[in-house]
Amino acid sequence: MDRPGKNHRNDDLTVAVTGGTGFVGSALIRRLIRANIRVKALARPASAAKCFHLPGLVWIPGELSDARSRRNLVQGVDAVIYCAGSVRGQRAADFAAANVDGVDRMMRTLCETSEPFRFLLISSLAARKPELSAYAASKRLGEDLVRQKAADGNLEWTILRPPAVYGPGDREVLPLLQWLRRGILFVPGNREGRISLIFITDLAQAILDWLWCGSGGGHCYELHDGKADGYSWEDIRRIGEDLYRRPIHRINIPVGVVKGVAQLNAAAARLTGYRPMLTPGKVKELGHPDWVCDNTQFSSISGWQPRIDLYQGLRRTLDQKIK
């Protein structure tokens, strides 16, 4: 099987996707289909209601834990893109199934075949600092498993570490943006930190450009939306004022208050089994001063360039428009 490259016809490509009903995975599938690339996507029974139908898309029912489902998913494909992931919880076990065990099982399945797969793991910038939280540690462990298993199976692999991803369909960043439109910017914890961001369609295009370029194997790349030094909270406030043409009032939430809410969430989670977003580990991530990415390496090998800055991204997210 020829590996896809710049001269490979798009309609000759078939790509397997995990996490296809999630925020990133569903946007990626739509972008691949628009590029005339066939897609096989794994669908867990619990997510069956979220499956959508497009020409060229085939859903493979099953779980990452099931070997037959994994084999059915990767049969006859040119590349595998792993988008499955867990972002909510506080214990290592809350993240293990998708971020660690699923990666391990998928890599074992790929290494057991004789096909020359290309494999792309969608990780997270949080993996840069695994000591901060159980989530960050799980993403780094997933990356380490890719490197280890690929070496054993002579598999071509690439890892992408996007920063915070936002856009229509996102549920994690949306509340913050909705308050921004109302004229309030809540700043939790560290007031001086800088962050990179990326709009969902830019991330989907980056994955497509990786697929087309046919290179970049054996490396981990970071992505951002084109603002090389990231954003401060004051940058975000000013952009909000420019967009909505109204004053944006910044409310700094003391670290102690954020920690207190996180501890309450953790206690409630232990009693109810609920997986919260704001946890003591997430507070540590929020308090880290430097979540700024560097696009240089990935752009040089793929030709990808981001198109949507924060001003445009805010407008499209809150208007629920993807173009």
Protein backbone atom coordinates (compact mmCIF):
# COMPACT_ATOMS: atom_id res chain seq x y z
CA MET A 1 0.00 0.00 0.00
CA ASP A 2 1.46 3.39 -1.03
CA ARG A 3 1.77 5.94 1.71
CA PRO A 4 -0.11 9.17 0.97
CA GLY A 5 1.99 12.09 -0.17
CA LYS A 6 1.65 15.24 -2.21
CA ASN A 7 1.19 13.30 -5.45
CA HIS A 8 -1.25 10.76 -4.03
CA ARG A 9 -4.80 11.08 -5.37
CA ASN A 10 -7.20 12.06 -2.59
CA ASP A 11 -9.87 9.61 -3.70
CA ASP A 12 -7.38 6.78 -3.28
CA LEU A 13 -7.06 7.43 0.45
CA THR A 14 -8.91 5.79 3.30
CA VAL A 15 -8.30 7.00 6.84
CA ALA A 16 -9.32 5.44 10.15
CA VAL A 17 -10.39 7.80 12.95
CA THR A 18 -11.02 7.14 16.64
CA GLY A 19 -13.00 9.60 18.72
CA GLY A 20 -15.06 10.51 15.66
CA THR A 21 -18.13 11.61 17.62
CA GLY A 22 -16.12 14.04 19.76
CA PHE A 23 -15.44 17.72 19.19
CA VAL A 24 -12.13 17.32 17.34
CA GLY A 25 -12.90 13.99 15.69
CA SER A 26 -16.22 15.07 14.15
CA ALA A 27 -14.69 18.25 12.72
CA LEU A 28 -11.80 16.24 11.31
CA ILE A 29 -14.09 13.71 9.64
CA ARG A 30 -16.05 16.47 7.93
CA ARG A 31 -12.83 18.05 6.68
CA LEU A 32 -11.53 14.72 5.34
CA ILE A 33 -14.79 13.97 3.54
CA ARG A 34 -14.76 17.44 1.95
CA ALA A 35 -11.28 16.55 0.63
CA ASN A 36 -12.69 13.36 -0.98
CA ILE A 37 -10.94 11.09 1.51
CA ARG A 38 -12.83 8.01 2.65
CA VAL A 39 -13.18 7.61 6.41
CA LYS A 40 -13.74 4.64 8.71
CA ALA A 41 -14.61 5.82 12.22
CA LEU A 42 -14.97 3.80 15.41
CA ALA A 43 -18.27 4.36 17.23
CA ARG A 44 -18.82 3.20 20.79
CA PRO A 45 -22.35 1.99 21.57
CA ALA A 46 -22.69 4.81 24.12
CA SER A 47 -21.98 7.35 21.37
CA ALA A 48 -24.17 5.84 18.65
CA ALA A 49 -26.67 8.69 18.84
CA LYS A 50 -23.90 11.16 17.92
CA CYS A 51 -23.01 9.40 14.68
CA PHE A 52 -23.71 11.43 11.56
CA HIS A 53 -23.92 10.34 7.95
CA LEU A 54 -21.87 11.59 5.03
CA PRO A 55 -20.94 10.05 1.67
CA GLY A 56 -17.66 8.21 2.08
CA LEU A 57 -18.01 7.74 5.86
CA VAL A 58 -18.40 4.29 7.39
CA TRP A 59 -18.96 3.83 11.11
CA ILE A 60 -17.40 0.74 12.69
CA PRO A 61 -19.34 -0.22 15.82
CA GLY A 62 -17.22 -1.26 18.77
CA GLU A 63 -14.87 -0.28 21.55
CA LEU A 64 -11.14 0.38 21.64
CA SER A 65 -10.95 -2.45 24.17
CA ASP A 66 -12.24 -4.94 21.57
CA ALA A 67 -9.55 -6.43 19.31
CA ARG A 68 -12.00 -7.35 16.55
CA SER A 69 -13.33 -3.79 16.39
CA ARG A 70 -9.81 -2.42 16.11
CA ARG A 71 -8.90 -4.85 13.33
CA ASN A 72 -12.08 -3.99 11.42
CA LEU A 73 -11.31 -0.29 11.80
CA VAL A 74 -7.78 -0.41 10.39
CA GLN A 75 -8.35 -2.97 7.65
CA GLY A 76 -7.62 -1.43 4.25
CA VAL A 77 -6.70 2.05 5.47
CA ASP A 78 -3.68 4.22 4.65
CA ALA A 79 -3.45 6.06 7.95
CA VAL A 80 -4.87 5.96 11.47
CA ILE A 81 -5.67 9.18 13.34
CA TYR A 82 -6.23 8.76 17.05
CA CYS A 83 -8.55 11.51 18.34
CA ALA A 84 -10.15 9.60 21.21
CA GLY A 85 -9.51 11.17 24.58
CA SER A 86 -10.82 11.90 28.06
CA VAL A 87 -10.54 15.42 29.45
CA ARG A 88 -12.73 15.25 32.57
CA GLY A 89 -11.86 13.62 35.88
CA GLN A 90 -9.37 13.81 38.71
CA ARG A 91 -7.86 10.34 39.07
CA ALA A 92 -5.51 8.54 36.72
CA ALA A 93 -8.22 5.92 36.19
CA ASP A 94 -10.59 8.58 34.82
CA PHE A 95 -8.26 9.19 31.87
CA ALA A 96 -6.64 5.80 31.36
CA ALA A 97 -9.18 4.08 29.09
CA ALA A 98 -8.91 6.56 26.20
CA ASN A 99 -5.63 8.39 26.80
CA VAL A 100 -3.44 5.41 27.73
CA ASP A 101 -5.00 1.96 27.35
CA GLY A 102 -6.71 2.78 24.06
CA VAL A 103 -3.46 4.10 22.58
CA ASP A 104 -1.62 1.00 23.77
CA ARG A 105 -4.18 -1.35 22.24
CA MET A 106 -4.35 0.51 18.95
CA MET A 107 -0.57 0.48 18.62
CA ARG A 108 -0.47 -3.25 19.32
CA THR A 109 -3.09 -3.85 16.64
CA LEU A 110 -1.17 -1.79 14.08
CA CYS A 111 2.14 -3.44 14.91
CA GLU A 112 0.60 -6.90 14.47
CA THR A 113 -0.29 -6.20 10.84
CA SER A 114 2.00 -6.14 7.83
CA GLU A 115 0.51 -2.95 6.37
CA PRO A 116 2.72 0.21 6.29
CA PHE A 117 0.40 2.43 8.31
CA ARG A 118 1.02 6.03 9.17
CA PHE A 119 -0.20 6.83 12.68
CA LEU A 120 -1.08 10.24 14.09
CA LEU A 121 -1.80 10.78 17.78
CA ILE A 122 -3.71 13.94 18.71
CA SER A 123 -2.23 14.62 22.12
CA SER A 124 -2.31 17.85 24.14
CA LEU A 125 0.04 20.64 25.06
CA ALA A 126 -0.58 19.55 28.66
CA ALA A 127 1.70 16.57 27.97
CA ARG A 128 4.59 19.04 28.13
CA LYS A 129 4.10 19.17 31.92
CA PRO A 130 2.96 15.69 33.07
CA GLU A 131 3.68 16.49 36.70
CA LEU A 132 0.83 19.01 36.90
CA SER A 133 -2.21 16.74 36.71
CA ALA A 134 -3.49 13.23 36.13
CA TYR A 135 -4.77 14.40 32.74
CA ALA A 136 -1.39 15.78 31.67
CA ALA A 137 0.35 12.61 32.90
CA SER A 138 -2.06 10.43 30.90
CA LYS A 139 -1.39 12.37 27.69
CA ARG A 140 2.38 12.07 28.14
CA LEU A 141 2.08 8.36 28.88
CA GLY A 142 0.06 7.91 25.68
CA GLU A 143 2.82 9.67 23.74
CA ASP A 144 5.49 7.48 25.33
CA LEU A 145 3.55 4.36 24.39
CA VAL A 146 3.42 5.49 20.75
CA ARG A 147 7.18 5.91 20.67
CA GLN A 148 7.84 2.58 22.35
CA LYS A 149 5.37 0.47 20.38
CA ALA A 150 6.24 2.08 17.04
CA ALA A 151 9.90 1.23 17.55
CA ASP A 152 8.95 -2.40 18.17
CA GLY A 153 6.71 -2.58 15.10
CA ASN A 154 8.57 -0.35 12.62
CA LEU A 155 5.54 1.93 12.42
CA GLU A 156 5.68 5.52 11.15
CA TRP A 157 4.23 7.80 13.81
CA THR A 158 3.63 11.50 14.41
CA ILE A 159 2.28 13.32 17.47
CA LEU A 160 0.48 16.67 17.44
CA ARG A 161 0.19 18.71 20.63
CA PRO A 162 -2.51 21.35 20.13
CA PRO A 163 -3.13 23.97 22.83
CA ALA A 164 -6.68 24.81 23.95
CA VAL A 165 -8.97 24.05 20.98
CA TYR A 166 -12.19 26.02 20.61
CA GLY A 167 -14.95 26.58 18.09
CA PRO A 168 -18.58 25.64 17.44
CA GLY A 169 -19.40 22.40 19.25
CA ASP A 170 -16.89 22.89 22.05
CA ARG A 171 -18.27 22.67 25.58
CA GLU A 172 -15.18 23.34 27.66
CA VAL A 173 -14.08 26.83 26.53
CA LEU A 174 -17.55 28.01 25.46
CA PRO A 175 -18.76 29.21 28.91
CA LEU A 176 -15.75 31.53 29.22
CA LEU A 177 -16.42 32.95 25.75
CA GLN A 178 -20.13 33.44 26.49
CA TRP A 179 -19.28 35.50 29.55
CA LEU A 180 -16.84 37.50 27.44
CA ARG A 181 -19.67 38.43 25.08
CA ARG A 182 -21.70 39.55 28.11
CA GLY A 183 -18.87 41.90 29.06
CA ILE A 184 -17.06 39.89 31.73
CA LEU A 185 -13.71 38.10 31.56
CA PHE A 186 -13.10 35.73 34.44
CA VAL A 187 -9.39 35.14 35.10
CA PRO A 188 -8.91 32.04 37.25
CA GLY A 189 -5.62 31.66 39.13
CA ASN A 190 -2.48 32.95 37.44
CA ARG A 191 -3.06 36.46 36.12
CA GLU A 192 0.24 36.77 34.24
CA GLY A 193 0.31 33.53 32.27
CA ARG A 194 0.31 33.34 28.48
CA ILE A 195 -1.52 30.75 26.41
CA SER A 196 -1.72 29.64 22.81
CA LEU A 197 -5.06 28.80 21.23
CA ILE A 198 -6.23 27.15 18.02
CA PHE A 199 -9.56 27.21 16.20
CA ILE A 200 -11.06 23.83 15.40
CA THR A 201 -10.97 24.18 11.61
CA ASP A 202 -7.28 25.12 11.69
CA LEU A 203 -6.53 21.97 13.68
CA ALA A 204 -8.52 19.85 11.22
CA GLN A 205 -6.63 21.43 8.31
CA ALA A 206 -3.30 20.77 10.04
CA ILE A 207 -4.17 17.08 10.25
CA LEU A 208 -5.18 17.03 6.59
CA ASP A 209 -1.94 18.75 5.58
CA TRP A 210 0.03 16.16 7.58
CA LEU A 211 -1.79 13.44 5.69
CA TRP A 212 -1.07 15.03 2.32
CA CYS A 213 2.57 15.88 2.92
CA GLY A 214 3.53 12.28 3.62
CA SER A 215 6.37 13.29 5.95
CA GLY A 216 7.06 14.33 9.52
CA GLY A 217 7.27 10.84 10.96
CA GLY A 218 9.01 10.20 14.25
CA HIS A 219 8.38 13.68 15.68
CA CYS A 220 6.11 15.56 18.07
CA TYR A 221 4.85 18.97 16.91
CA GLU A 222 3.08 21.87 18.58
CA LEU A 223 0.45 24.07 16.92
CA HIS A 224 -1.02 27.52 17.47
CA ASP A 225 -3.28 30.00 15.68
CA GLY A 226 -0.51 32.18 14.28
CA LYS A 227 0.16 34.38 17.32
CA ALA A 228 3.71 33.34 18.03
CA ASP A 229 3.92 34.67 21.59
CA GLY A 230 0.45 33.52 22.62
CA TYR A 231 -2.15 35.57 24.46
CA SER A 232 -2.22 37.23 27.84
CA TRP A 233 -5.54 37.67 29.63
CA GLU A 234 -5.30 41.37 28.81
CA ASP A 235 -4.91 40.50 25.10
CA ILE A 236 -8.10 38.44 25.29
CA ARG A 237 -9.94 41.27 27.05
CA ARG A 238 -8.92 43.81 24.40
CA ILE A 239 -9.86 41.50 21.53
CA GLY A 240 -13.26 40.98 23.17
CA GLU A 241 -13.76 44.73 23.40
CA ASP A 242 -12.85 45.20 19.74
CA LEU A 243 -15.21 42.44 18.67
CA TYR A 244 -18.23 43.28 20.78
CA ARG A 245 -17.67 47.07 20.83
CA ARG A 246 -18.29 47.29 24.53
CA PRO A 247 -16.17 47.40 27.71
CA ILE A 248 -15.03 44.01 28.99
CA HIS A 249 -14.62 43.95 32.75
CA ARG A 250 -11.86 41.67 34.00
CA ILE A 251 -12.59 39.78 37.22
CA ASN A 252 -9.55 38.14 38.77
CA ILE A 253 -10.55 35.08 40.80
CA PRO A 254 -8.07 34.47 43.65
CA VAL A 255 -6.14 31.21 43.51
CA GLY A 256 -7.55 30.22 46.90
CA VAL A 257 -11.10 30.50 45.63
CA VAL A 258 -10.33 28.44 42.52
CA LYS A 259 -8.66 25.78 44.66
CA GLY A 260 -11.64 25.74 47.01
CA VAL A 261 -14.10 25.14 44.18
CA ALA A 262 -11.84 22.43 42.76
CA GLN A 263 -11.70 20.66 46.11
CA LEU A 264 -15.49 20.79 46.40
CA ASN A 265 -15.74 19.31 42.90
CA ALA A 266 -13.33 16.55 43.89
CA ALA A 267 -15.35 15.71 47.00
CA ALA A 268 -18.61 15.65 45.02
CA ALA A 269 -16.99 13.44 42.38
CA ARG A 270 -15.99 10.88 45.02
CA LEU A 271 -19.58 10.72 46.26
CA THR A 272 -21.43 10.74 42.95
CA GLY A 273 -18.98 9.38 40.37
CA TYR A 274 -19.28 12.61 38.38
CA ARG A 275 -16.16 13.59 36.43
CA PRO A 276 -15.58 17.33 36.91
CA MET A 277 -13.58 19.64 34.66
CA LEU A 278 -12.24 21.90 37.41
CA THR A 279 -10.11 19.75 39.73
CA PRO A 280 -7.02 20.37 41.86
CA GLY A 281 -4.94 19.10 38.94
CA LYS A 282 -6.66 21.48 36.52
CA VAL A 283 -5.92 24.35 38.92
CA LYS A 284 -2.23 23.51 38.62
CA GLU A 285 -2.52 23.58 34.85
CA LEU A 286 -4.27 26.97 34.99
CA GLY A 287 -1.53 28.29 37.25
CA HIS A 288 1.29 27.31 34.92
CA PRO A 289 2.69 30.54 33.39
CA ASP A 290 3.70 29.30 29.94
CA TRP A 291 1.36 27.45 27.59
CA VAL A 292 2.78 29.06 24.44
CA CYS A 293 3.42 26.88 21.37
CA ASP A 294 5.77 27.06 18.40
CA ASN A 295 4.45 26.27 14.90
CA THR A 296 7.76 26.46 13.08
CA GLN A 297 8.69 22.80 12.73
CA PHE A 298 5.26 21.55 11.73
CA SER A 299 4.71 24.30 9.19
CA SER A 300 8.09 23.61 7.62
CA ILE A 301 7.34 19.93 6.98
CA SER A 302 3.66 20.23 6.05
CA GLY A 303 3.19 23.69 4.57
CA TRP A 304 0.30 24.27 6.98
CA GLN A 305 -0.48 27.80 8.10
CA PRO A 306 -3.28 28.77 10.50
CA ARG A 307 -6.00 31.05 9.13
CA ILE A 308 -8.27 31.89 12.07
CA ASP A 309 -7.03 34.30 14.74
CA LEU A 310 -8.79 34.84 18.06
CA TYR A 311 -10.89 37.75 16.81
CA GLN A 312 -12.30 35.67 13.94
CA GLY A 313 -12.51 32.55 16.10
CA LEU A 314 -14.57 34.26 18.79
CA ARG A 315 -17.00 35.58 16.21
CA ARG A 316 -17.43 32.21 14.52
CA THR A 317 -17.72 30.31 17.80
CA LEU A 318 -20.41 32.47 19.32
CA ASP A 319 -22.25 32.77 16.02
CA GLN A 320 -21.92 28.97 15.70
CA LYS A 321 -20.42 29.22 12.22
CA ILE A 322 -17.67 27.10 10.73
CA LYS A 323 -16.33 28.14 7.33
